Amino acid sequence: MRRLWTPRWLALHAVALVLVVAFLGLGWWQVTRAAGGNAISWGYALEWPVFAGFVIYMWIREMRAELGSGGAGAASPSEAEAAAGATASSESALSPEEAPAPVRIRRPVRVTRDASAADSDGGDPELAAYNRYLSWLNANPGARPGDYPG
């Protein structure tokens, strides 16, 4: 919880509080205008509290993310080195079942497509030329369209 009392987080708490109060105040102002006969203000009277709710949602989401991240960004370098040394020594003492799971990085997958499906142009020469152009662009990912030899 101490991570949420840093100067950065105090500023974020203040901004969130000011925004929620302002949005609810604007909503109340629209209610009073709508009660005075301005029919369009009813829509705005419902809209401003939704904005306030969104600010609260994002505020809570960011606090949970900060608390769940372990505060890696908030730790000083000496604390990070001490934690790394403690982790290395504690990992060697852990059994394989207790060891932390490795981090998996997801990379995009390039899919190749069947060229015969692209050549089914139905006898249209312009479509066949366009498909050849697209095939060339796909085969030469770093090329510019002006480099096309055809």
C-alpha atoms as a PDB file:
ATOM      1  CA  MET A   1       0.000   0.000   0.000  1.00  0.00           C
ATOM      2  CA  ARG A   2       2.960   2.378   0.451  1.00  0.00           C
ATOM      3  CA  ARG A   3       3.364   2.453  -3.317  1.00  0.00           C
ATOM      4  CA  LEU A   4       0.081   4.337  -3.570  1.00  0.00           C
ATOM      5  CA  TRP A   5       1.391   7.203  -1.415  1.00  0.00           C
ATOM      6  CA  THR A   6       4.282   8.322  -3.595  1.00  0.00           C
ATOM      7  CA  PRO A   7       4.211  11.890  -4.977  1.00  0.00           C
ATOM      8  CA  ARG A   8       3.139  10.571  -8.393  1.00  0.00           C
ATOM      9  CA  TRP A   9       0.239   8.628  -6.912  1.00  0.00           C
ATOM     10  CA  LEU A  10      -0.795  11.509  -4.655  1.00  0.00           C
ATOM     11  CA  ALA A  11      -1.086  13.654  -7.791  1.00  0.00           C
ATOM     12  CA  LEU A  12      -3.107  10.928  -9.519  1.00  0.00           C
ATOM     13  CA  HIS A  13      -5.419  10.614  -6.498  1.00  0.00           C
ATOM     14  CA  ALA A  14      -5.952  14.379  -6.519  1.00  0.00           C
ATOM     15  CA  VAL A  15      -6.658  14.453 -10.270  1.00  0.00           C
ATOM     16  CA  ALA A  16      -9.127  11.582  -9.975  1.00  0.00           C
ATOM     17  CA  LEU A  17     -10.904  13.229  -7.049  1.00  0.00           C
ATOM     18  CA  VAL A  18     -11.122  16.594  -8.829  1.00  0.00           C
ATOM     19  CA  LEU A  19     -12.446  14.948 -12.007  1.00  0.00           C
ATOM     20  CA  VAL A  20     -15.105  12.928 -10.168  1.00  0.00           C
ATOM     21  CA  VAL A  21     -16.310  15.968  -8.209  1.00  0.00           C
ATOM     22  CA  ALA A  22     -16.297  18.132 -11.350  1.00  0.00           C
ATOM     23  CA  PHE A  23     -18.178  15.565 -13.434  1.00  0.00           C
ATOM     24  CA  LEU A  24     -20.796  15.017 -10.744  1.00  0.00           C
ATOM     25  CA  GLY A  25     -21.141  18.787 -10.328  1.00  0.00           C
ATOM     26  CA  LEU A  26     -21.635  19.212 -14.059  1.00  0.00           C
ATOM     27  CA  GLY A  27     -24.224  16.443 -13.959  1.00  0.00           C
ATOM     28  CA  TRP A  28     -26.122  18.250 -11.201  1.00  0.00           C
ATOM     29  CA  TRP A  29     -25.911  21.501 -13.162  1.00  0.00           C
ATOM     30  CA  GLN A  30     -27.453  19.751 -16.172  1.00  0.00           C
ATOM     31  CA  VAL A  31     -30.240  18.353 -13.984  1.00  0.00           C
ATOM     32  CA  THR A  32     -31.103  21.858 -12.786  1.00  0.00           C
ATOM     33  CA  ARG A  33     -31.093  23.146 -16.381  1.00  0.00           C
ATOM     34  CA  ALA A  34     -33.281  20.241 -17.497  1.00  0.00           C
ATOM     35  CA  ALA A  35     -35.719  20.941 -14.683  1.00  0.00           C
ATOM     36  CA  GLY A  36     -35.850  24.533 -15.906  1.00  0.00           C
ATOM     37  CA  GLY A  37     -37.172  23.446 -19.280  1.00  0.00           C
ATOM     38  CA  ASN A  38     -34.062  22.612 -21.357  1.00  0.00           C
ATOM     39  CA  ALA A  39     -34.957  19.155 -22.673  1.00  0.00           C
ATOM     40  CA  ILE A  40     -31.568  18.326 -24.185  1.00  0.00           C
ATOM     41  CA  SER A  41     -29.958  18.683 -20.753  1.00  0.00           C
ATOM     42  CA  TRP A  42     -31.531  15.394 -19.655  1.00  0.00           C
ATOM     43  CA  GLY A  43     -29.078  13.540 -21.885  1.00  0.00           C
ATOM     44  CA  TYR A  44     -26.135  15.443 -20.488  1.00  0.00           C
ATOM     45  CA  ALA A  45     -27.431  14.937 -16.964  1.00  0.00           C
ATOM     46  CA  LEU A  46     -27.051  11.193 -17.522  1.00  0.00           C
ATOM     47  CA  GLU A  47     -23.756  11.506 -19.391  1.00  0.00           C
ATOM     48  CA  TRP A  48     -21.675  13.319 -16.753  1.00  0.00           C
ATOM     49  CA  PRO A  49     -22.137  10.687 -14.016  1.00  0.00           C
ATOM     50  CA  VAL A  50     -21.070   8.050 -16.549  1.00  0.00           C
ATOM     51  CA  PHE A  51     -17.851  10.008 -17.075  1.00  0.00           C
ATOM     52  CA  ALA A  52     -17.335  10.133 -13.312  1.00  0.00           C
ATOM     53  CA  GLY A  53     -17.876   6.376 -13.123  1.00  0.00           C
ATOM     54  CA  PHE A  54     -15.307   5.846 -15.857  1.00  0.00           C
ATOM     55  CA  VAL A  55     -12.754   7.894 -13.928  1.00  0.00           C
ATOM     56  CA  ILE A  56     -13.406   5.775 -10.829  1.00  0.00           C
ATOM     57  CA  TYR A  57     -13.101   2.573 -12.868  1.00  0.00           C
ATOM     58  CA  MET A  58      -9.764   3.639 -14.367  1.00  0.00           C
ATOM     59  CA  TRP A  59      -8.485   4.843 -11.004  1.00  0.00           C
ATOM     60  CA  ILE A  60      -9.234   1.505  -9.351  1.00  0.00           C
ATOM     61  CA  ARG A  61      -7.839  -0.404 -12.334  1.00  0.00           C
ATOM     62  CA  GLU A  62      -4.551   1.512 -12.203  1.00  0.00           C
ATOM     63  CA  MET A  63      -4.244   1.052  -8.430  1.00  0.00           C
ATOM     64  CA  ARG A  64      -4.802  -2.693  -8.798  1.00  0.00           C
ATOM     65  CA  ALA A  65      -2.252  -2.849 -11.606  1.00  0.00           C
ATOM     66  CA  GLU A  66       0.289  -1.004  -9.461  1.00  0.00           C
ATOM     67  CA  LEU A  67      -0.300  -3.272  -6.485  1.00  0.00           C
ATOM     68  CA  GLY A  68      -0.312  -6.391  -8.642  1.00  0.00           C
ATOM     69  CA  SER A  69       2.855  -5.468 -10.548  1.00  0.00           C
ATOM     70  CA  GLY A  70       4.986  -5.737  -7.470  1.00  0.00           C
ATOM     71  CA  GLY A  71       6.011  -2.108  -7.828  1.00  0.00           C
ATOM     72  CA  ALA A  72       9.026  -2.885  -9.995  1.00  0.00           C
ATOM     73  CA  GLY A  73       9.095   0.686 -11.234  1.00  0.00           C
ATOM     74  CA  ALA A  74       8.910   2.173  -7.735  1.00  0.00           C
ATOM     75  CA  ALA A  75      11.820   0.213  -6.258  1.00  0.00           C
ATOM     76  CA  SER A  76      15.209   1.877  -5.994  1.00  0.00           C
ATOM     77  CA  PRO A  77      18.151   0.249  -7.816  1.00  0.00           C
ATOM     78  CA  SER A  78      19.668  -1.024  -4.568  1.00  0.00           C
ATOM     79  CA  GLU A  79      16.350  -2.602  -3.585  1.00  0.00           C
ATOM     80  CA  ALA A  80      16.060  -4.192  -7.023  1.00  0.00           C
ATOM     81  CA  GLU A  81      19.579  -5.670  -6.761  1.00  0.00           C
ATOM     82  CA  ALA A  82      18.835  -6.995  -3.276  1.00  0.00           C
ATOM     83  CA  ALA A  83      15.582  -8.506  -4.477  1.00  0.00           C
ATOM     84  CA  ALA A  84      17.317 -10.105  -7.467  1.00  0.00           C
ATOM     85  CA  GLY A  85      19.953 -11.644  -5.196  1.00  0.00           C
ATOM     86  CA  ALA A  86      17.289 -12.918  -2.803  1.00  0.00           C
ATOM     87  CA  THR A  87      15.279 -14.351  -5.685  1.00  0.00           C
ATOM     88  CA  ALA A  88      18.282 -16.136  -7.143  1.00  0.00           C
ATOM     89  CA  SER A  89      19.156 -17.717  -3.803  1.00  0.00           C
ATOM     90  CA  SER A  90      15.544 -18.649  -3.043  1.00  0.00           C
ATOM     91  CA  GLU A  91      14.951 -20.157  -6.513  1.00  0.00           C
ATOM     92  CA  SER A  92      17.797 -22.627  -6.011  1.00  0.00           C
ATOM     93  CA  ALA A  93      16.163 -23.787  -2.777  1.00  0.00           C
ATOM     94  CA  LEU A  94      12.730 -24.261  -4.376  1.00  0.00           C
ATOM     95  CA  SER A  95      11.529 -27.570  -5.665  1.00  0.00           C
ATOM     96  CA  PRO A  96      10.534 -27.730  -9.356  1.00  0.00           C
ATOM     97  CA  GLU A  97       6.839 -27.563  -8.396  1.00  0.00           C
ATOM     98  CA  GLU A  98       7.367 -24.339  -6.424  1.00  0.00           C
ATOM     99  CA  ALA A  99       9.591 -22.599  -8.979  1.00  0.00           C
ATOM    100  CA  PRO A 100       8.016 -19.631 -10.726  1.00  0.00           C
ATOM    101  CA  ALA A 101       6.689 -20.259 -14.197  1.00  0.00           C
ATOM    102  CA  PRO A 102       8.815 -18.905 -17.050  1.00  0.00           C
ATOM    103  CA  VAL A 103       7.575 -15.818 -18.818  1.00  0.00           C
ATOM    104  CA  ARG A 104       6.249 -16.633 -22.274  1.00  0.00           C
ATOM    105  CA  ILE A 105       6.505 -14.020 -24.978  1.00  0.00           C
ATOM    106  CA  ARG A 106       3.875 -14.161 -27.688  1.00  0.00           C
ATOM    107  CA  ARG A 107       5.130 -13.370 -31.154  1.00  0.00           C
ATOM    108  CA  PRO A 108       3.086 -12.836 -34.288  1.00  0.00           C
ATOM    109  CA  VAL A 109       2.763 -15.792 -36.589  1.00  0.00           C
ATOM    110  CA  ARG A 110       3.246 -15.398 -40.327  1.00  0.00           C
ATOM    111  CA  VAL A 111       0.816 -17.557 -42.250  1.00  0.00           C
ATOM    112  CA  THR A 112       1.488 -18.664 -45.797  1.00  0.00           C
ATOM    113  CA  ARG A 113      -1.461 -18.998 -48.116  1.00  0.00           C
ATOM    114  CA  ASP A 114      -2.070 -21.256 -51.038  1.00  0.00           C
ATOM    115  CA  ALA A 115      -1.072 -19.459 -54.258  1.00  0.00           C
ATOM    116  CA  SER A 116      -3.678 -21.352 -56.310  1.00  0.00           C
ATOM    117  CA  ALA A 117      -6.474 -19.668 -54.354  1.00  0.00           C
ATOM    118  CA  ALA A 118      -5.060 -16.253 -55.263  1.00  0.00           C
ATOM    119  CA  ASP A 119      -4.816 -17.183 -58.964  1.00  0.00           C
ATOM    120  CA  SER A 120      -8.487 -18.057 -59.291  1.00  0.00           C
ATOM    121  CA  ASP A 121      -9.294 -14.814 -61.061  1.00  0.00           C
ATOM    122  CA  GLY A 122     -12.045 -16.125 -63.326  1.00  0.00           C
ATOM    123  CA  GLY A 123     -10.226 -15.105 -66.518  1.00  0.00           C
ATOM    124  CA  ASP A 124      -9.992 -11.392 -65.661  1.00  0.00           C
ATOM    125  CA  PRO A 125      -6.543 -10.142 -66.769  1.00  0.00           C
ATOM    126  CA  GLU A 126      -6.669  -7.042 -64.546  1.00  0.00           C
ATOM    127  CA  LEU A 127      -7.447  -9.174 -61.517  1.00  0.00           C
ATOM    128  CA  ALA A 128      -4.632 -11.576 -62.408  1.00  0.00           C
ATOM    129  CA  ALA A 129      -2.185  -8.651 -62.722  1.00  0.00           C
ATOM    130  CA  TYR A 130      -3.344  -7.244 -59.394  1.00  0.00           C
ATOM    131  CA  ASN A 131      -2.935 -10.644 -57.724  1.00  0.00           C
ATOM    132  CA  ARG A 132       0.620 -10.917 -59.160  1.00  0.00           C
ATOM    133  CA  TYR A 133       1.345  -7.449 -57.766  1.00  0.00           C
ATOM    134  CA  LEU A 134       0.048  -8.433 -54.331  1.00  0.00           C
ATOM    135  CA  SER A 135       2.077 -11.657 -54.433  1.00  0.00           C
ATOM    136  CA  TRP A 136       5.185  -9.641 -55.272  1.00  0.00           C
ATOM    137  CA  LEU A 137       4.520  -7.232 -52.391  1.00  0.00           C
ATOM    138  CA  ASN A 138       4.041 -10.180 -50.046  1.00  0.00           C
ATOM    139  CA  ALA A 139       7.296 -11.803 -51.217  1.00  0.00           C
ATOM    140  CA  ASN A 140       9.207  -8.501 -50.818  1.00  0.00           C
ATOM    141  CA  PRO A 141       8.041  -7.021 -47.488  1.00  0.00           C
ATOM    142  CA  GLY A 142      10.655  -4.252 -47.459  1.00  0.00           C
ATOM    143  CA  ALA A 143       9.875  -3.044 -50.984  1.00  0.00           C
ATOM    144  CA  ARG A 144       7.855   0.001 -51.877  1.00  0.00           C
ATOM    145  CA  PRO A 145       5.006  -0.169 -54.391  1.00  0.00           C
ATOM    146  CA  GLY A 146       7.096   1.919 -56.826  1.00  0.00           C
ATOM    147  CA  ASP A 147       9.747  -0.822 -56.883  1.00  0.00           C
ATOM    148  CA  TYR A 148       7.357  -3.261 -58.578  1.00  0.00           C
ATOM    149  CA  PRO A 149       9.005  -4.427 -61.836  1.00  0.00           C
ATOM    150  CA  GLY A 150       5.769  -5.358 -63.617  1.00  0.00           C
END
